[in-house]
Amino acid sequence: MEIKYIMNEKSEAEIEIDSLTLVEILRHYLSKDSDVEFVAWKRDHPTKPPILRVKTKGKTVKKAIEDAVSAIEKDSKKLLEEFKKSK
């Protein structure tokens, strides 16, 4: 997976990520964070990678993304455990 910062400031960033699925999952989890003022992604053309735009208050964009990734990992582990339990 390739990640490229187009703009990277303390409370605002634009990040190009080559997976639409991962961008949408990150957007969903970031939108749950009360310190995230704005999160959305755009794609100029279907052949181009999506760009995730994040704006925060009270924490840095990096911290907000780290928190979102931690929550994704936690939920993924729970999901995996539930699948293992099912027959």
N, C-alpha and C. Protein backbone atom coordinates (compact mmCIF):
# COMPACT_ATOMS: atom_id res chain seq x y z
N MET A 1 0.86 -1.17 0.00
CA MET A 1 0.00 0.00 0.00
C MET A 1 0.90 1.23 0.00
N GLU A 2 0.51 2.20 -0.80
CA GLU A 2 1.26 3.44 -0.90
C GLU A 2 0.46 4.58 -0.28
N ILE A 3 1.13 5.37 0.57
CA ILE A 3 0.52 6.53 1.21
C ILE A 3 1.40 7.74 0.88
N LYS A 4 0.77 8.80 0.40
CA LYS A 4 1.51 10.00 0.02
C LYS A 4 0.80 11.22 0.60
N TYR A 5 1.54 12.00 1.40
CA TYR A 5 0.98 13.22 1.96
C TYR A 5 1.06 14.33 0.91
N ILE A 6 -0.08 14.89 0.57
CA ILE A 6 -0.14 16.01 -0.36
C ILE A 6 0.01 17.31 0.43
N MET A 7 -0.66 17.36 1.59
CA MET A 7 -0.55 18.48 2.51
C MET A 7 -0.53 17.88 3.91
N ASN A 8 0.40 18.35 4.74
CA ASN A 8 0.52 17.78 6.07
C ASN A 8 0.86 18.88 7.07
N GLU A 9 -0.16 19.35 7.77
CA GLU A 9 0.02 20.32 8.82
C GLU A 9 -0.48 19.69 10.12
N LYS A 10 -0.30 20.38 11.22
CA LYS A 10 -0.67 19.83 12.53
C LYS A 10 -2.13 19.43 12.61
N SER A 11 -3.02 20.31 12.16
CA SER A 11 -4.44 20.04 12.31
C SER A 11 -5.18 19.86 10.99
N GLU A 12 -4.45 19.72 9.90
CA GLU A 12 -5.09 19.54 8.60
C GLU A 12 -4.15 18.78 7.68
N ALA A 13 -4.72 17.83 6.93
CA ALA A 13 -3.90 17.04 6.02
C ALA A 13 -4.72 16.53 4.85
N GLU A 14 -4.03 16.31 3.74
CA GLU A 14 -4.58 15.61 2.59
C GLU A 14 -3.63 14.46 2.29
N ILE A 15 -4.20 13.25 2.25
CA ILE A 15 -3.38 12.05 2.13
C ILE A 15 -3.91 11.21 0.97
N GLU A 16 -3.01 10.87 0.06
CA GLU A 16 -3.37 10.00 -1.06
C GLU A 16 -3.07 8.56 -0.65
N ILE A 17 -4.09 7.73 -0.67
CA ILE A 17 -3.95 6.32 -0.30
C ILE A 17 -4.47 5.50 -1.47
N ASP A 18 -3.72 4.50 -1.89
CA ASP A 18 -4.08 3.80 -3.12
C ASP A 18 -5.19 2.77 -2.99
N SER A 19 -5.87 2.73 -1.84
CA SER A 19 -6.97 1.79 -1.66
C SER A 19 -8.24 2.52 -1.26
N LEU A 20 -9.23 2.47 -2.13
CA LEU A 20 -10.52 3.12 -1.85
C LEU A 20 -11.19 2.51 -0.62
N THR A 21 -11.06 1.20 -0.47
CA THR A 21 -11.65 0.51 0.69
C THR A 21 -11.06 1.04 1.99
N LEU A 22 -9.75 1.14 2.06
CA LEU A 22 -9.11 1.63 3.29
C LEU A 22 -9.43 3.10 3.56
N VAL A 23 -9.51 3.89 2.51
CA VAL A 23 -9.86 5.30 2.68
C VAL A 23 -11.26 5.43 3.28
N GLU A 24 -12.20 4.63 2.78
CA GLU A 24 -13.57 4.71 3.29
C GLU A 24 -13.65 4.21 4.73
N ILE A 25 -12.93 3.16 5.07
CA ILE A 25 -12.92 2.68 6.46
C ILE A 25 -12.32 3.74 7.38
N LEU A 26 -11.20 4.34 6.98
CA LEU A 26 -10.60 5.41 7.78
C LEU A 26 -11.56 6.59 7.94
N ARG A 27 -12.22 6.97 6.86
CA ARG A 27 -13.17 8.07 6.92
C ARG A 27 -14.27 7.78 7.93
N HIS A 28 -14.78 6.56 7.89
CA HIS A 28 -15.85 6.17 8.81
C HIS A 28 -15.40 6.27 10.27
N TYR A 29 -14.25 5.72 10.58
CA TYR A 29 -13.77 5.74 11.97
C TYR A 29 -13.37 7.15 12.40
N LEU A 30 -12.76 7.92 11.52
CA LEU A 30 -12.39 9.29 11.86
C LEU A 30 -13.63 10.14 12.12
N SER A 31 -14.71 9.86 11.41
CA SER A 31 -15.93 10.65 11.59
C SER A 31 -16.56 10.43 12.97
N LYS A 32 -16.21 9.35 13.64
CA LYS A 32 -16.70 9.09 15.00
C LYS A 32 -15.95 9.87 16.07
N ASP A 33 -14.77 10.40 15.71
CA ASP A 33 -13.91 11.11 16.66
C ASP A 33 -14.40 12.54 16.84
N SER A 34 -14.70 12.92 18.07
CA SER A 34 -15.22 14.27 18.34
C SER A 34 -14.17 15.37 18.08
N ASP A 35 -12.90 15.01 18.01
CA ASP A 35 -11.84 15.98 17.72
C ASP A 35 -11.62 16.17 16.22
N VAL A 36 -12.32 15.43 15.41
CA VAL A 36 -12.21 15.59 13.95
C VAL A 36 -13.35 16.50 13.50
N GLU A 37 -12.98 17.67 12.98
CA GLU A 37 -13.98 18.64 12.51
C GLU A 37 -14.50 18.28 11.12
N PHE A 38 -13.63 17.73 10.28
CA PHE A 38 -14.01 17.42 8.90
C PHE A 38 -13.20 16.24 8.42
N VAL A 39 -13.87 15.32 7.75
CA VAL A 39 -13.18 14.21 7.09
C VAL A 39 -14.00 13.79 5.88
N ALA A 40 -13.33 13.68 4.77
CA ALA A 40 -13.98 13.26 3.53
C ALA A 40 -12.88 12.80 2.56
N TRP A 41 -13.32 12.08 1.55
CA TRP A 41 -12.36 11.73 0.51
C TRP A 41 -12.93 12.12 -0.84
N LYS A 42 -12.03 12.31 -1.78
CA LYS A 42 -12.43 12.63 -3.14
C LYS A 42 -11.52 11.87 -4.09
N ARG A 43 -12.01 11.71 -5.30
CA ARG A 43 -11.20 11.07 -6.33
C ARG A 43 -11.49 11.81 -7.63
N ASP A 44 -10.47 12.36 -8.25
CA ASP A 44 -10.64 13.14 -9.46
C ASP A 44 -11.14 12.29 -10.64
N HIS A 45 -10.75 11.04 -10.66
CA HIS A 45 -11.13 10.14 -11.75
C HIS A 45 -11.03 8.71 -11.22
N PRO A 46 -11.88 7.80 -11.71
CA PRO A 46 -11.82 6.41 -11.20
C PRO A 46 -10.46 5.73 -11.35
N THR A 47 -9.62 6.21 -12.25
CA THR A 47 -8.29 5.62 -12.41
C THR A 47 -7.25 6.22 -11.46
N LYS A 48 -7.64 7.27 -10.74
CA LYS A 48 -6.73 7.94 -9.81
C LYS A 48 -7.00 7.48 -8.37
N PRO A 49 -5.97 7.48 -7.52
CA PRO A 49 -6.20 7.10 -6.12
C PRO A 49 -7.00 8.16 -5.37
N PRO A 50 -7.77 7.75 -4.37
CA PRO A 50 -8.55 8.72 -3.58
C PRO A 50 -7.63 9.54 -2.67
N ILE A 51 -8.12 10.72 -2.33
CA ILE A 51 -7.41 11.61 -1.42
C ILE A 51 -8.29 11.85 -0.20
N LEU A 52 -7.76 11.53 0.97
CA LEU A 52 -8.47 11.71 2.23
C LEU A 52 -8.09 13.06 2.81
N ARG A 53 -9.09 13.86 3.13
CA ARG A 53 -8.85 15.18 3.75
C ARG A 53 -9.37 15.13 5.18
N VAL A 54 -8.51 15.54 6.11
CA VAL A 54 -8.84 15.50 7.53
C VAL A 54 -8.50 16.85 8.16
N LYS A 55 -9.43 17.36 8.96
CA LYS A 55 -9.19 18.58 9.72
C LYS A 55 -9.60 18.31 11.16
N THR A 56 -8.71 18.64 12.10
CA THR A 56 -8.95 18.33 13.51
C THR A 56 -8.93 19.58 14.38
N LYS A 57 -9.43 19.38 15.61
CA LYS A 57 -9.32 20.39 16.66
C LYS A 57 -8.99 19.62 17.94
N GLY A 58 -8.04 20.08 18.70
CA GLY A 58 -7.73 19.43 19.97
C GLY A 58 -6.71 18.30 19.89
N LYS A 59 -6.46 17.76 18.73
CA LYS A 59 -5.42 16.76 18.54
C LYS A 59 -4.89 16.86 17.13
N THR A 60 -3.72 16.32 16.91
CA THR A 60 -3.14 16.39 15.57
C THR A 60 -3.81 15.38 14.65
N VAL A 61 -3.67 15.61 13.37
CA VAL A 61 -4.20 14.67 12.37
C VAL A 61 -3.55 13.30 12.57
N LYS A 62 -2.25 13.30 12.81
CA LYS A 62 -1.53 12.04 13.01
C LYS A 62 -2.12 11.25 14.17
N LYS A 63 -2.39 11.91 15.29
CA LYS A 63 -2.97 11.25 16.45
C LYS A 63 -4.38 10.75 16.15
N ALA A 64 -5.16 11.53 15.43
CA ALA A 64 -6.52 11.11 15.07
C ALA A 64 -6.48 9.86 14.21
N ILE A 65 -5.55 9.81 13.26
CA ILE A 65 -5.42 8.64 12.39
C ILE A 65 -4.93 7.44 13.19
N GLU A 66 -3.97 7.66 14.07
CA GLU A 66 -3.49 6.55 14.92
C GLU A 66 -4.63 5.99 15.77
N ASP A 67 -5.45 6.85 16.33
CA ASP A 67 -6.60 6.41 17.13
C ASP A 67 -7.59 5.62 16.28
N ALA A 68 -7.84 6.11 15.06
CA ALA A 68 -8.77 5.42 14.16
C ALA A 68 -8.23 4.04 13.78
N VAL A 69 -6.95 3.96 13.48
CA VAL A 69 -6.34 2.67 13.11
C VAL A 69 -6.40 1.70 14.30
N SER A 70 -6.17 2.19 15.50
CA SER A 70 -6.27 1.34 16.69
C SER A 70 -7.69 0.79 16.86
N ALA A 71 -8.68 1.65 16.64
CA ALA A 71 -10.07 1.21 16.74
C ALA A 71 -10.41 0.18 15.66
N ILE A 72 -9.88 0.39 14.46
CA ILE A 72 -10.09 -0.57 13.37
C ILE A 72 -9.47 -1.92 13.72
N GLU A 73 -8.26 -1.90 14.25
CA GLU A 73 -7.60 -3.15 14.66
C GLU A 73 -8.41 -3.87 15.73
N LYS A 74 -8.88 -3.13 16.71
CA LYS A 74 -9.67 -3.71 17.80
C LYS A 74 -10.95 -4.35 17.26
N ASP A 75 -11.67 -3.63 16.42
CA ASP A 75 -12.91 -4.16 15.85
C ASP A 75 -12.64 -5.35 14.92
N SER A 76 -11.54 -5.31 14.21
CA SER A 76 -11.18 -6.43 13.32
C SER A 76 -10.89 -7.69 14.12
N LYS A 77 -10.21 -7.53 15.24
CA LYS A 77 -9.92 -8.69 16.10
C LYS A 77 -11.21 -9.28 16.65
N LYS A 78 -12.14 -8.41 17.07
CA LYS A 78 -13.43 -8.89 17.57
C LYS A 78 -14.17 -9.66 16.48
N LEU A 79 -14.17 -9.13 15.28
CA LEU A 79 -14.84 -9.78 14.16
C LEU A 79 -14.22 -11.14 13.86
N LEU A 80 -12.91 -11.21 13.88
CA LEU A 80 -12.21 -12.47 13.64
C LEU A 80 -12.56 -13.50 14.71
N GLU A 81 -12.61 -13.07 15.97
CA GLU A 81 -12.97 -13.97 17.06
C GLU A 81 -14.40 -14.50 16.88
N GLU A 82 -15.30 -13.64 16.47
CA GLU A 82 -16.69 -14.07 16.25
C GLU A 82 -16.78 -15.08 15.11
N PHE A 83 -16.01 -14.88 14.06
CA PHE A 83 -16.01 -15.85 12.96
C PHE A 83 -15.45 -17.20 13.40
N LYS A 84 -14.42 -17.15 14.23
CA LYS A 84 -13.83 -18.39 14.73
C LYS A 84 -14.80 -19.15 15.61
N LYS A 85 -15.65 -18.45 16.37
CA LYS A 85 -16.63 -19.07 17.24
C LYS A 85 -17.79 -19.68 16.46
N SER A 86 -18.10 -19.09 15.32
CA SER A 86 -19.27 -19.56 14.56
C SER A 86 -19.00 -20.93 13.93
N LYS A 87 -20.09 -21.65 13.70
CA LYS A 87 -19.95 -23.00 13.15
C LYS A 87 -20.43 -23.07 11.75
